[in-house]
């Protein structure tokens, strides 16, 4: 993977975090990611630093979501004929 691609994925992961926080009104704790002191705009940092940051941020997001209670969605045959779309 090229460094430019890692920078792009790093930025996307930041957007995923912000989107999740905005939709759920929950803050994802990212102490390990923050301690790396790197962001997608730090283009001068090396490829390994961005890879480590990307993996660390991803791990903290997944860990946060994993520890949340599972939301149960009830489905009935009455709603089967209706079109349903869920964005948020």
N, C-alpha and C. Protein backbone atom coordinates (compact mmCIF):
# COMPACT_ATOMS: atom_id res chain seq x y z
N UNK A 1 0.85 -1.17 0.00
CA UNK A 1 0.00 0.00 0.00
C UNK A 1 0.89 1.24 0.00
N UNK A 2 0.53 2.20 -0.81
CA UNK A 2 1.29 3.44 -0.91
C UNK A 2 0.97 4.36 0.27
N UNK A 3 1.89 5.25 0.56
CA UNK A 3 1.71 6.19 1.67
C UNK A 3 0.47 7.06 1.44
N UNK A 4 0.26 7.48 0.21
CA UNK A 4 -0.90 8.31 -0.11
C UNK A 4 -2.21 7.57 0.22
N UNK A 5 -2.25 6.28 -0.05
CA UNK A 5 -3.43 5.48 0.26
C UNK A 5 -3.64 5.37 1.78
N UNK A 6 -2.55 5.22 2.51
CA UNK A 6 -2.65 5.18 3.98
C UNK A 6 -3.17 6.50 4.53
N UNK A 7 -2.70 7.61 3.98
CA UNK A 7 -3.18 8.92 4.42
C UNK A 7 -4.68 9.04 4.17
N UNK A 8 -5.12 8.54 3.02
CA UNK A 8 -6.54 8.59 2.68
C UNK A 8 -7.36 7.73 3.65
N UNK A 9 -6.90 6.52 3.92
CA UNK A 9 -7.60 5.64 4.86
C UNK A 9 -7.61 6.22 6.27
N UNK A 10 -6.52 6.84 6.64
CA UNK A 10 -6.41 7.47 7.96
C UNK A 10 -7.49 8.56 8.08
N UNK A 11 -7.63 9.39 7.04
CA UNK A 11 -8.63 10.45 7.03
C UNK A 11 -10.04 9.86 7.06
N UNK A 12 -10.27 8.80 6.30
CA UNK A 12 -11.58 8.15 6.32
C UNK A 12 -11.93 7.61 7.70
N UNK A 13 -10.95 7.06 8.40
CA UNK A 13 -11.19 6.52 9.74
C UNK A 13 -11.57 7.65 10.71
N UNK A 14 -10.95 8.80 10.54
CA UNK A 14 -11.31 9.97 11.36
C UNK A 14 -12.76 10.36 11.08
N UNK A 15 -13.14 10.35 9.81
CA UNK A 15 -14.52 10.69 9.44
C UNK A 15 -15.51 9.67 10.00
N UNK A 16 -15.15 8.40 9.98
CA UNK A 16 -16.01 7.36 10.55
C UNK A 16 -16.22 7.60 12.03
N UNK A 17 -15.15 7.91 12.74
CA UNK A 17 -15.23 8.20 14.18
C UNK A 17 -16.16 9.38 14.44
N UNK A 18 -15.96 10.46 13.70
CA UNK A 18 -16.78 11.66 13.90
C UNK A 18 -18.24 11.40 13.54
N UNK A 19 -18.48 10.65 12.47
CA UNK A 19 -19.85 10.33 12.07
C UNK A 19 -20.54 9.51 13.16
N UNK A 20 -19.86 8.49 13.65
CA UNK A 20 -20.43 7.64 14.72
C UNK A 20 -20.75 8.49 15.94
N UNK A 21 -19.83 9.34 16.34
CA UNK A 21 -20.05 10.18 17.52
C UNK A 21 -21.23 11.13 17.31
N UNK A 22 -21.35 11.66 16.12
CA UNK A 22 -22.44 12.58 15.81
C UNK A 22 -23.79 11.87 15.83
N UNK A 23 -23.85 10.67 15.27
CA UNK A 23 -25.10 9.93 15.18
C UNK A 23 -25.53 9.38 16.54
N UNK A 24 -24.58 8.90 17.32
CA UNK A 24 -24.91 8.25 18.60
C UNK A 24 -24.81 9.18 19.80
N UNK A 25 -24.23 10.35 19.63
CA UNK A 25 -23.97 11.27 20.75
C UNK A 25 -23.10 10.62 21.82
N UNK A 26 -22.22 9.73 21.40
CA UNK A 26 -21.26 9.08 22.29
C UNK A 26 -19.85 9.44 21.84
N UNK A 27 -19.00 9.74 22.80
CA UNK A 27 -17.61 10.03 22.45
C UNK A 27 -16.80 8.73 22.52
N UNK A 28 -16.02 8.49 21.50
CA UNK A 28 -15.13 7.33 21.48
C UNK A 28 -13.80 7.76 22.08
N UNK A 29 -13.42 7.10 23.17
CA UNK A 29 -12.14 7.40 23.81
C UNK A 29 -11.00 6.88 22.93
N UNK A 30 -10.07 7.74 22.61
CA UNK A 30 -8.96 7.37 21.73
C UNK A 30 -7.62 7.76 22.36
N UNK A 31 -7.42 7.32 23.58
CA UNK A 31 -6.19 7.68 24.31
C UNK A 31 -4.93 7.17 23.61
N UNK A 32 -4.96 5.91 23.17
CA UNK A 32 -3.78 5.34 22.51
C UNK A 32 -3.49 6.07 21.19
N UNK A 33 -4.56 6.33 20.43
CA UNK A 33 -4.39 7.04 19.15
C UNK A 33 -3.84 8.45 19.41
N UNK A 34 -4.42 9.15 20.38
CA UNK A 34 -3.98 10.52 20.69
C UNK A 34 -2.53 10.55 21.16
N UNK A 35 -2.10 9.51 21.86
CA UNK A 35 -0.72 9.48 22.37
C UNK A 35 0.30 9.35 21.23
N UNK A 36 -0.14 8.88 20.06
CA UNK A 36 0.78 8.77 18.91
C UNK A 36 1.11 10.14 18.31
N UNK A 37 0.27 11.13 18.62
CA UNK A 37 0.46 12.50 18.15
C UNK A 37 0.67 12.57 16.64
N UNK A 38 -0.27 11.96 15.91
CA UNK A 38 -0.22 11.98 14.45
C UNK A 38 -1.65 12.10 13.94
N UNK A 39 -1.81 12.85 12.88
CA UNK A 39 -3.11 12.96 12.23
C UNK A 39 -2.90 12.81 10.72
N UNK A 40 -3.97 12.66 9.97
CA UNK A 40 -3.82 12.47 8.52
C UNK A 40 -3.15 13.64 7.81
N UNK A 41 -3.16 14.81 8.42
CA UNK A 41 -2.53 15.96 7.77
C UNK A 41 -1.02 16.02 8.01
N UNK A 42 -0.51 15.15 8.84
CA UNK A 42 0.94 15.09 9.08
C UNK A 42 1.60 14.27 7.97
N UNK A 43 1.66 14.84 6.79
CA UNK A 43 2.17 14.11 5.62
C UNK A 43 3.67 13.87 5.70
N UNK A 44 4.36 14.61 6.55
CA UNK A 44 5.80 14.43 6.70
C UNK A 44 6.17 13.18 7.51
N UNK A 45 5.18 12.65 8.26
CA UNK A 45 5.45 11.44 9.05
C UNK A 45 5.57 10.24 8.12
N UNK A 46 6.29 9.24 8.56
CA UNK A 46 6.53 8.10 7.67
C UNK A 46 5.32 7.16 7.58
N UNK A 47 5.41 6.28 6.61
CA UNK A 47 4.34 5.35 6.30
C UNK A 47 3.98 4.47 7.50
N UNK A 48 4.99 3.99 8.23
CA UNK A 48 4.75 3.13 9.38
C UNK A 48 3.97 3.86 10.47
N UNK A 49 4.27 5.13 10.68
CA UNK A 49 3.58 5.91 11.70
C UNK A 49 2.09 6.03 11.37
N UNK A 50 1.78 6.27 10.08
CA UNK A 50 0.39 6.37 9.67
C UNK A 50 -0.32 5.02 9.75
N UNK A 51 0.39 3.96 9.43
CA UNK A 51 -0.20 2.62 9.52
C UNK A 51 -0.52 2.30 10.97
N UNK A 52 0.41 2.58 11.87
CA UNK A 52 0.18 2.34 13.30
C UNK A 52 -1.00 3.16 13.81
N UNK A 53 -1.07 4.42 13.39
CA UNK A 53 -2.16 5.30 13.81
C UNK A 53 -3.50 4.78 13.30
N UNK A 54 -3.54 4.39 12.05
CA UNK A 54 -4.77 3.87 11.44
C UNK A 54 -5.25 2.62 12.16
N UNK A 55 -4.36 1.68 12.42
CA UNK A 55 -4.73 0.44 13.11
C UNK A 55 -5.14 0.69 14.56
N UNK A 56 -4.46 1.60 15.21
CA UNK A 56 -4.79 1.93 16.60
C UNK A 56 -6.17 2.59 16.69
N UNK A 57 -6.42 3.55 15.81
CA UNK A 57 -7.71 4.23 15.80
C UNK A 57 -8.83 3.23 15.49
N UNK A 58 -8.61 2.39 14.50
CA UNK A 58 -9.61 1.38 14.15
C UNK A 58 -9.90 0.45 15.31
N UNK A 59 -8.86 0.04 16.01
CA UNK A 59 -9.04 -0.84 17.17
C UNK A 59 -9.85 -0.16 18.26
N UNK A 60 -9.59 1.11 18.52
CA UNK A 60 -10.32 1.81 19.57
C UNK A 60 -11.79 2.03 19.18
N UNK A 61 -12.06 2.26 17.92
CA UNK A 61 -13.45 2.40 17.46
C UNK A 61 -14.19 1.08 17.61
N UNK A 62 -13.58 0.00 17.14
CA UNK A 62 -14.21 -1.32 17.22
C UNK A 62 -14.41 -1.74 18.67
N UNK A 63 -13.44 -1.48 19.51
CA UNK A 63 -13.55 -1.82 20.94
C UNK A 63 -14.72 -1.07 21.57
N UNK A 64 -14.85 0.20 21.25
CA UNK A 64 -15.95 1.00 21.79
C UNK A 64 -17.30 0.43 21.36
N UNK A 65 -17.44 0.14 20.07
CA UNK A 65 -18.70 -0.38 19.55
C UNK A 65 -18.99 -1.76 20.13
N UNK A 66 -17.95 -2.57 20.27
CA UNK A 66 -18.12 -3.93 20.81
C UNK A 66 -18.66 -3.91 22.24
N UNK A 67 -18.31 -2.91 23.02
CA UNK A 67 -18.74 -2.85 24.42
C UNK A 67 -20.09 -2.16 24.60
N UNK A 68 -20.72 -1.75 23.52
CA UNK A 68 -22.05 -1.15 23.59
C UNK A 68 -23.09 -2.25 23.57
N UNK A 69 -24.22 -2.04 24.25
CA UNK A 69 -25.27 -3.06 24.20
C UNK A 69 -25.83 -3.18 22.78
N UNK A 70 -26.19 -4.39 22.41
CA UNK A 70 -26.75 -4.63 21.09
C UNK A 70 -28.18 -4.11 21.05
N UNK A 71 -28.47 -3.33 20.03
CA UNK A 71 -29.82 -2.81 19.88
C UNK A 71 -30.67 -3.84 19.14
N UNK A 72 -31.80 -4.16 19.72
CA UNK A 72 -32.70 -5.14 19.12
C UNK A 72 -33.75 -4.39 18.31
N UNK A 73 -33.93 -4.82 17.08
CA UNK A 73 -34.94 -4.24 16.21
C UNK A 73 -36.03 -5.28 16.02
N UNK A 74 -37.22 -4.93 16.43
CA UNK A 74 -38.34 -5.85 16.27
C UNK A 74 -38.89 -5.73 14.86
N UNK A 75 -39.15 -6.86 14.26
CA UNK A 75 -39.66 -6.91 12.89
C UNK A 75 -40.97 -7.68 12.90
N UNK A 76 -41.97 -7.10 12.29
CA UNK A 76 -43.25 -7.80 12.22
C UNK A 76 -43.69 -7.92 10.77
N UNK A 77 -44.57 -8.86 10.50
CA UNK A 77 -45.05 -9.06 9.13
C UNK A 77 -45.88 -7.88 8.64
N UNK A 78 -46.39 -7.07 9.56
CA UNK A 78 -47.17 -5.89 9.18
C UNK A 78 -46.31 -4.87 8.45
N UNK A 79 -45.06 -4.80 8.79
CA UNK A 79 -44.18 -3.82 8.15
C UNK A 79 -43.47 -4.41 6.93
N UNK A 80 -43.71 -5.68 6.66
CA UNK A 80 -43.02 -6.34 5.55
C UNK A 80 -43.35 -5.72 4.21
N UNK A 81 -44.54 -5.22 4.03
CA UNK A 81 -44.92 -4.66 2.74
C UNK A 81 -44.52 -3.19 2.61
N UNK A 82 -44.08 -2.58 3.70
CA UNK A 82 -43.68 -1.18 3.67
C UNK A 82 -42.20 -1.07 3.32
N UNK A 83 -41.88 -0.01 2.60
CA UNK A 83 -40.47 0.24 2.32
C UNK A 83 -39.84 0.87 3.55
N UNK A 84 -38.71 0.34 3.94
CA UNK A 84 -38.04 0.83 5.15
C UNK A 84 -36.62 1.22 4.79
N UNK A 85 -36.22 2.40 5.23
CA UNK A 85 -34.84 2.86 5.03
C UNK A 85 -34.35 3.44 6.34
N UNK A 86 -33.16 3.04 6.73
CA UNK A 86 -32.58 3.55 7.97
C UNK A 86 -31.25 4.19 7.65
N UNK A 87 -31.14 5.47 7.90
CA UNK A 87 -29.90 6.19 7.65
C UNK A 87 -29.14 6.38 8.94
N UNK A 88 -29.83 6.74 10.02
CA UNK A 88 -29.16 7.07 11.26
C UNK A 88 -29.59 6.12 12.29
